[in-house]
Amino acid sequence: MILSLIGGDLFSKERRIELFLSESLKDLKDDPLSKQILYATDTNIAIADKVMESCASVSMFSPEQAVVVRRAEALKAADMHTLAEWLNTNPSSSLLFEFEKLAATTDLYKALKKHATIEKYELPRPWEMEKWISNLTVTHFNKAIDPLACRYLSEALGTDTALIAAEIEKILLFAPNCKEISIDLVKTMVVPQREILAFEIRESFGNRDASAFVRKLRELLDNGVTGIQIASALYHYSVRLLHVNSLLEQGMPPKEIAKKLGANEYLFCIKENEPQRAKRWNKQLLCRIIKRLADLDFEIKSGQCSSRMSQELALAALIVR
């Protein structure tokens, strides 16, 4: 069996690789002599030659070896061409390629499509991550999770599915008897990997609460969050509010908007009430703020707005009128 995994969902690909080895090797899956794990990023070996050699060899305990090629998107053009020609000979082997991406126009993709099974593992979109995390926690870890904890993990870790799964596993090792993964537990255990936790400032921004916004802005700057990071978070949230505003004007019910955005219905409609926040802003003002944030990002990066005070005043001016 020849299998090709393409996509950025590392967690799902890891599980599929484990299943492939189990199906190919059965009781011998833990035997290091029965499998070869190769990395296309390894410059010390000729990857194409090593793949063909490993597929042709046998282990001491099984009639063939299972071969896994990791990071196969790093294959050189010559290696891709060699492997494509070899695949066209229709070899009989247990071989798996793991790609982050592979263009459909390449000879290797065409050969894999003809002689192998191609499985796609696309990353969930950013607005789908909360639902993905909730489903993962229930189905894989058999635990309930607070929707706010899903939001925190999504904002803190982005779309790295393998990292998110590892962090949830770490949380459960720390608190194995918890009935539900709470927001407090997640905040205790998870260190943000991204620029800023957007919901730390977007509540006051969305509610157009100038006093709370200025306090939170100063707190973030005092804690080392840069003006670029805050501007980026506000830019993305302004675009989200504009999107919600447009959908409301089209007559779409809030529950349907939550579904369309992949948001948790309770958080979206009740806890944070984002439709109500969106109604506080008119579209023209949101468009001006989005443009101003893009300009401010350029000004900070180019040194035109480099001091702490100038950045704080520029960001505060978005809402203090």
Protein backbone atom coordinates (compact mmCIF):
# COMPACT_ATOMS: atom_id res chain seq x y z
CA MET A 1 0.00 0.00 0.00
CA ILE A 2 1.28 3.44 -0.95
CA LEU A 3 -0.31 6.38 0.84
CA SER A 4 0.16 10.13 0.56
CA LEU A 5 -0.99 12.59 3.23
CA ILE A 6 -1.23 16.22 2.13
CA GLY A 7 -2.16 19.18 4.32
CA GLY A 8 -1.29 21.19 7.39
CA ASP A 9 -3.31 19.33 10.04
CA LEU A 10 -0.37 17.76 11.87
CA PHE A 11 -2.44 16.13 14.60
CA SER A 12 -4.67 14.23 12.16
CA LYS A 13 -1.67 13.25 10.03
CA GLU A 14 0.16 11.87 13.06
CA ARG A 15 -2.83 9.70 13.94
CA ARG A 16 -3.05 8.49 10.34
CA ILE A 17 0.66 7.60 10.30
CA GLU A 18 0.19 5.57 13.49
CA LEU A 19 -2.76 3.76 11.90
CA PHE A 20 -0.74 3.10 8.74
CA LEU A 21 2.09 1.51 10.74
CA SER A 22 -0.38 -0.56 12.76
CA GLU A 23 -2.11 -1.85 9.63
CA SER A 24 1.15 -2.53 7.80
CA LEU A 25 3.16 -4.08 10.63
CA LYS A 26 0.47 -5.28 13.05
CA ASP A 27 2.30 -6.79 16.06
CA LEU A 28 5.65 -5.54 14.79
CA LYS A 29 4.78 -1.84 14.71
CA ASP A 30 7.04 -1.14 17.71
CA ASP A 31 9.96 -3.02 16.19
CA PRO A 32 12.46 -0.42 14.89
CA LEU A 33 13.84 -2.93 12.37
CA SER A 34 10.46 -3.21 10.64
CA LYS A 35 10.15 0.43 9.65
CA GLN A 36 12.19 3.24 8.19
CA ILE A 37 11.36 6.86 9.05
CA LEU A 38 13.04 9.19 6.57
CA TYR A 39 13.06 13.00 6.52
CA ALA A 40 13.22 14.80 3.20
CA THR A 41 14.99 17.66 5.01
CA ASP A 42 17.98 15.39 5.73
CA THR A 43 20.72 16.59 3.38
CA ASN A 44 23.10 13.79 4.34
CA ILE A 45 21.29 11.14 2.30
CA ALA A 46 19.92 10.83 -1.23
CA ILE A 47 16.25 10.60 -0.29
CA ALA A 48 14.95 9.10 -3.54
CA ASP A 49 17.58 6.36 -3.56
CA LYS A 50 17.03 5.66 0.13
CA VAL A 51 13.25 5.34 -0.34
CA MET A 52 13.61 2.87 -3.21
CA GLU A 53 16.29 0.90 -1.36
CA SER A 54 14.22 0.70 1.85
CA CYS A 55 11.10 -0.40 -0.01
CA ALA A 56 13.06 -3.17 -1.71
CA SER A 57 14.66 -4.45 1.49
CA VAL A 58 13.13 -6.75 4.09
CA SER A 59 13.41 -6.80 7.84
CA MET A 60 14.52 -9.76 9.91
CA PHE A 61 10.97 -10.36 11.13
CA SER A 62 8.66 -9.37 8.27
CA PRO A 63 8.60 -9.79 4.48
CA GLU A 64 8.91 -6.05 3.88
CA GLN A 65 9.62 -2.78 5.63
CA ALA A 66 7.15 0.03 6.18
CA VAL A 67 8.67 3.27 4.98
CA VAL A 68 7.50 6.74 6.04
CA VAL A 69 8.85 9.88 4.35
CA ARG A 70 8.28 12.94 6.56
CA ARG A 71 8.37 16.57 5.37
CA ALA A 72 8.20 15.34 1.79
CA GLU A 73 7.43 18.86 0.52
CA ALA A 74 11.18 19.49 0.97
CA LEU A 75 12.07 16.95 -1.74
CA LYS A 76 14.28 18.36 -4.46
CA ALA A 77 12.94 18.49 -8.00
CA ALA A 78 15.33 15.74 -9.14
CA ASP A 79 14.22 13.46 -6.29
CA MET A 80 10.56 14.12 -7.12
CA HIS A 81 11.17 13.20 -10.75
CA THR A 82 13.06 10.01 -9.77
CA LEU A 83 10.32 8.93 -7.35
CA ALA A 84 7.61 9.67 -9.93
CA GLU A 85 9.33 7.43 -12.49
CA TRP A 86 9.75 4.70 -9.86
CA LEU A 87 6.08 4.92 -8.83
CA ASN A 88 5.08 4.52 -12.46
CA THR A 89 6.65 1.04 -12.37
CA ASN A 90 3.84 0.20 -9.89
CA PRO A 91 6.06 -1.06 -7.03
CA SER A 92 4.59 -3.23 -4.29
CA SER A 93 5.56 -1.70 -0.94
CA SER A 94 4.29 -0.22 2.32
CA LEU A 95 5.16 3.42 1.78
CA LEU A 96 3.74 6.66 3.15
CA PHE A 97 4.59 10.21 2.06
CA GLU A 98 3.72 13.09 4.38
CA PHE A 99 3.46 16.50 2.69
CA GLU A 100 2.43 19.89 3.98
CA LYS A 101 1.62 20.77 0.39
CA LEU A 102 2.19 19.30 -3.06
CA ALA A 103 1.20 21.00 -6.30
CA ALA A 104 -1.16 18.96 -8.47
CA THR A 105 0.89 19.91 -11.54
CA THR A 106 4.01 18.03 -10.44
CA ASP A 107 5.00 14.66 -11.89
CA LEU A 108 5.10 13.20 -8.37
CA TYR A 109 1.51 14.22 -7.61
CA LYS A 110 0.33 12.71 -10.90
CA ALA A 111 2.18 9.46 -10.18
CA LEU A 112 0.78 9.32 -6.65
CA LYS A 113 -2.73 9.96 -7.94
CA LYS A 114 -2.36 7.05 -10.34
CA HIS A 115 -0.58 4.52 -8.14
CA ALA A 116 -1.30 5.56 -4.55
CA THR A 117 -4.06 6.78 -2.28
CA ILE A 118 -4.04 10.52 -1.62
CA GLU A 119 -5.67 11.82 1.56
CA LYS A 120 -6.10 15.54 2.28
CA TYR A 121 -5.69 16.94 5.79
CA GLU A 122 -6.48 20.64 5.56
CA LEU A 123 -6.09 22.86 8.60
CA PRO A 124 -9.33 24.09 10.15
CA ARG A 125 -9.91 27.75 9.36
CA PRO A 126 -9.20 30.14 12.25
CA TRP A 127 -12.90 30.69 12.92
CA GLU A 128 -13.46 26.93 13.01
CA MET A 129 -10.80 26.22 15.64
CA GLU A 130 -13.07 26.59 18.69
CA LYS A 131 -15.42 23.92 17.36
CA TRP A 132 -12.46 21.72 16.36
CA ILE A 133 -10.97 21.98 19.86
CA SER A 134 -14.30 21.15 21.48
CA ASN A 135 -14.76 18.08 19.26
CA LEU A 136 -11.15 16.95 19.83
CA THR A 137 -11.49 17.20 23.62
CA VAL A 138 -14.71 15.19 23.67
CA THR A 139 -13.83 12.52 21.10
CA HIS A 140 -10.09 12.04 21.66
CA PHE A 141 -9.64 12.89 25.34
CA ASN A 142 -13.16 12.01 26.53
CA LYS A 143 -13.46 15.26 28.49
CA ALA A 144 -15.84 18.22 28.46
CA ILE A 145 -14.38 21.69 27.92
CA ASP A 146 -15.65 25.17 28.72
CA PRO A 147 -16.37 27.16 25.51
CA LEU A 148 -14.29 30.02 26.93
CA ALA A 149 -11.38 27.59 27.29
CA CYS A 150 -11.79 26.69 23.60
CA ARG A 151 -11.67 30.38 22.75
CA TYR A 152 -8.53 30.89 24.85
CA LEU A 153 -6.71 27.94 23.25
CA SER A 154 -7.69 29.08 19.78
CA GLU A 155 -6.49 32.63 20.37
CA ALA A 156 -3.34 31.58 22.24
CA LEU A 157 -2.12 28.78 19.95
CA GLY A 158 -3.61 29.53 16.55
CA THR A 159 -4.26 26.68 14.12
CA ASP A 160 -1.39 24.39 15.09
CA THR A 161 -3.47 21.26 15.75
CA ALA A 162 -0.55 19.17 17.03
CA LEU A 163 0.42 21.87 19.54
CA ILE A 164 -3.17 22.28 20.73
CA ALA A 165 -3.54 18.52 21.25
CA ALA A 166 -0.23 18.42 23.15
CA GLU A 167 -1.32 21.29 25.39
CA ILE A 168 -4.65 19.61 26.18
CA GLU A 169 -2.78 16.40 27.01
CA LYS A 170 -0.50 18.41 29.32
CA ILE A 171 -3.53 19.95 31.06
CA LEU A 172 -5.04 16.50 31.65
CA LEU A 173 -1.76 15.17 33.02
CA PHE A 174 -1.82 18.03 35.51
CA ALA A 175 -5.51 17.59 36.39
CA PRO A 176 -6.52 14.06 35.34
CA ASN A 177 -9.64 14.01 37.54
CA CYS A 178 -11.21 17.22 36.34
CA LYS A 179 -14.74 16.78 35.00
CA GLU A 180 -14.40 19.74 32.65
CA ILE A 181 -11.43 21.69 31.33
CA SER A 182 -12.13 25.16 32.65
CA ILE A 183 -10.87 28.53 31.45
CA ASP A 184 -8.93 28.99 34.72
CA LEU A 185 -7.18 25.63 34.28
CA VAL A 186 -6.23 26.47 30.70
CA LYS A 187 -4.88 29.90 31.66
CA THR A 188 -2.80 28.29 34.39
CA MET A 189 -1.21 25.71 32.08
CA VAL A 190 -1.00 27.24 28.60
CA VAL A 191 1.49 29.91 27.62
CA PRO A 192 0.28 31.95 24.62
CA GLN A 193 2.31 31.31 21.47
CA ARG A 194 0.72 34.07 19.41
CA GLU A 195 1.13 37.81 19.40
CA ILE A 196 -1.78 38.67 21.70
CA LEU A 197 -4.90 37.17 23.18
CA ALA A 198 -7.33 39.23 21.15
CA PHE A 199 -10.30 38.84 23.47
CA GLU A 200 -8.35 40.63 26.22
CA ILE A 201 -8.95 43.93 24.44
CA ARG A 202 -11.77 43.24 22.03
CA GLU A 203 -14.52 43.23 24.67
CA SER A 204 -14.01 46.89 25.57
CA PHE A 205 -13.37 47.76 21.91
CA GLY A 206 -16.50 45.97 20.71
CA ASN A 207 -18.63 47.60 23.40
CA ARG A 208 -17.13 51.04 22.59
CA ASP A 209 -16.30 51.40 26.27
CA ALA A 210 -13.61 54.08 26.09
CA SER A 211 -12.56 53.95 29.76
CA ALA A 212 -12.20 50.16 29.86
CA PHE A 213 -10.42 50.21 26.48
CA VAL A 214 -7.81 52.72 27.64
CA ARG A 215 -7.22 50.78 30.88
CA LYS A 216 -6.75 47.49 29.02
CA LEU A 217 -4.57 49.16 26.39
CA ARG A 218 -2.27 50.56 29.09
CA GLU A 219 -2.18 47.20 30.90
CA LEU A 220 -1.13 45.37 27.74
CA LEU A 221 1.55 47.90 26.90
CA ASP A 222 2.85 47.79 30.48
CA ASN A 223 3.09 43.98 30.21
CA GLY A 224 5.28 44.12 27.13
CA VAL A 225 2.69 43.68 24.38
CA THR A 226 3.78 45.82 21.43
CA GLY A 227 1.71 48.36 19.57
CA ILE A 228 2.01 46.26 16.40
CA GLN A 229 0.52 43.27 18.19
CA ILE A 230 -2.41 45.28 19.55
CA ALA A 231 -3.06 46.92 16.18
CA SER A 232 -3.06 43.49 14.53
CA ALA A 233 -5.57 42.12 17.04
CA LEU A 234 -7.87 45.12 16.65
CA TYR A 235 -7.60 44.97 12.86
CA HIS A 236 -8.78 41.36 12.73
CA TYR A 237 -11.58 41.97 15.23
CA SER A 238 -12.75 45.07 13.33
CA VAL A 239 -12.98 42.98 10.16
CA ARG A 240 -15.00 40.39 12.11
CA LEU A 241 -17.39 43.05 13.44
CA LEU A 242 -17.80 44.44 9.94
CA HIS A 243 -18.62 40.96 8.66
CA VAL A 244 -21.18 40.40 11.41
CA ASN A 245 -22.66 43.86 10.78
CA SER A 246 -23.09 43.09 7.07
CA LEU A 247 -24.75 39.73 7.77
CA LEU A 248 -27.16 41.35 10.24
CA GLU A 249 -28.10 43.93 7.63
CA GLN A 250 -28.87 41.06 5.24
CA GLY A 251 -31.38 39.76 7.80
CA MET A 252 -29.41 36.69 8.90
CA PRO A 253 -30.33 35.56 12.46
CA PRO A 254 -27.49 35.64 15.04
CA LYS A 255 -27.59 31.84 15.44
CA GLU A 256 -27.04 31.40 11.71
CA ILE A 257 -24.18 33.92 11.78
CA ALA A 258 -22.53 31.96 14.60
CA LYS A 259 -22.84 28.79 12.53
CA LYS A 260 -21.44 30.50 9.44
CA LEU A 261 -18.44 31.83 11.40
CA GLY A 262 -17.86 28.51 13.17
CA ALA A 263 -18.32 30.25 16.53
CA ASN A 264 -19.77 28.76 19.70
CA GLU A 265 -23.43 29.80 19.70
CA TYR A 266 -23.61 30.46 23.45
CA LEU A 267 -20.49 32.64 23.45
CA PHE A 268 -21.39 34.44 20.25
CA CYS A 269 -25.05 35.14 20.96
CA ILE A 270 -25.25 35.36 24.76
CA LYS A 271 -21.98 35.47 26.69
CA GLU A 272 -20.19 37.98 24.45
CA ASN A 273 -23.21 39.01 22.38
CA GLU A 274 -21.16 39.90 19.33
CA PRO A 275 -24.23 40.82 17.24
CA GLN A 276 -24.99 43.55 19.78
CA ARG A 277 -21.38 44.71 19.67
CA ALA A 278 -21.49 44.88 15.87
CA LYS A 279 -24.65 47.02 16.03
CA ARG A 280 -22.78 49.58 18.15
CA TRP A 281 -20.59 50.36 15.13
CA ASN A 282 -21.71 51.64 11.75
CA LYS A 283 -20.04 50.22 8.69
CA GLN A 284 -18.48 53.51 7.59
CA LEU A 285 -16.74 53.97 10.95
CA LEU A 286 -15.49 50.37 10.97
CA CYS A 287 -14.06 50.81 7.47
CA ARG A 288 -12.23 53.98 8.58
CA ILE A 289 -10.86 52.19 11.66
CA ILE A 290 -9.67 49.23 9.58
CA LYS A 291 -7.87 51.62 7.21
CA ARG A 292 -6.40 53.56 10.14
CA LEU A 293 -5.11 50.36 11.77
CA ALA A 294 -3.44 49.31 8.52
CA ASP A 295 -1.81 52.77 8.26
CA LEU A 296 -0.78 52.66 11.94
CA ASP A 297 0.86 49.26 11.43
CA PHE A 298 2.97 50.78 8.63
CA GLU A 299 3.79 53.88 10.70
CA ILE A 300 5.01 51.81 13.66
CA LYS A 301 7.09 49.48 11.50
CA SER A 302 8.63 52.38 9.55
CA GLY A 303 9.52 54.32 12.70
CA GLN A 304 7.06 57.18 12.14
CA CYS A 305 5.22 56.22 15.35
CA SER A 306 7.95 54.63 17.44
CA SER A 307 7.46 55.90 21.00
CA ARG A 308 5.26 54.21 23.59
CA MET A 309 3.25 57.41 24.12
CA SER A 310 2.57 58.03 20.42
CA GLN A 311 1.39 54.43 19.93
CA GLU A 312 -0.85 54.56 23.00
CA LEU A 313 -2.43 57.83 21.88
CA ALA A 314 -2.92 56.59 18.31
CA LEU A 315 -4.60 53.37 19.49
CA ALA A 316 -6.73 55.17 22.09
CA ALA A 317 -7.94 57.59 19.41
CA LEU A 318 -9.70 54.71 17.66
CA ILE A 319 -12.41 54.70 20.29
CA VAL A 320 -11.99 57.85 22.42
CA ARG A 321 -13.91 60.54 20.58
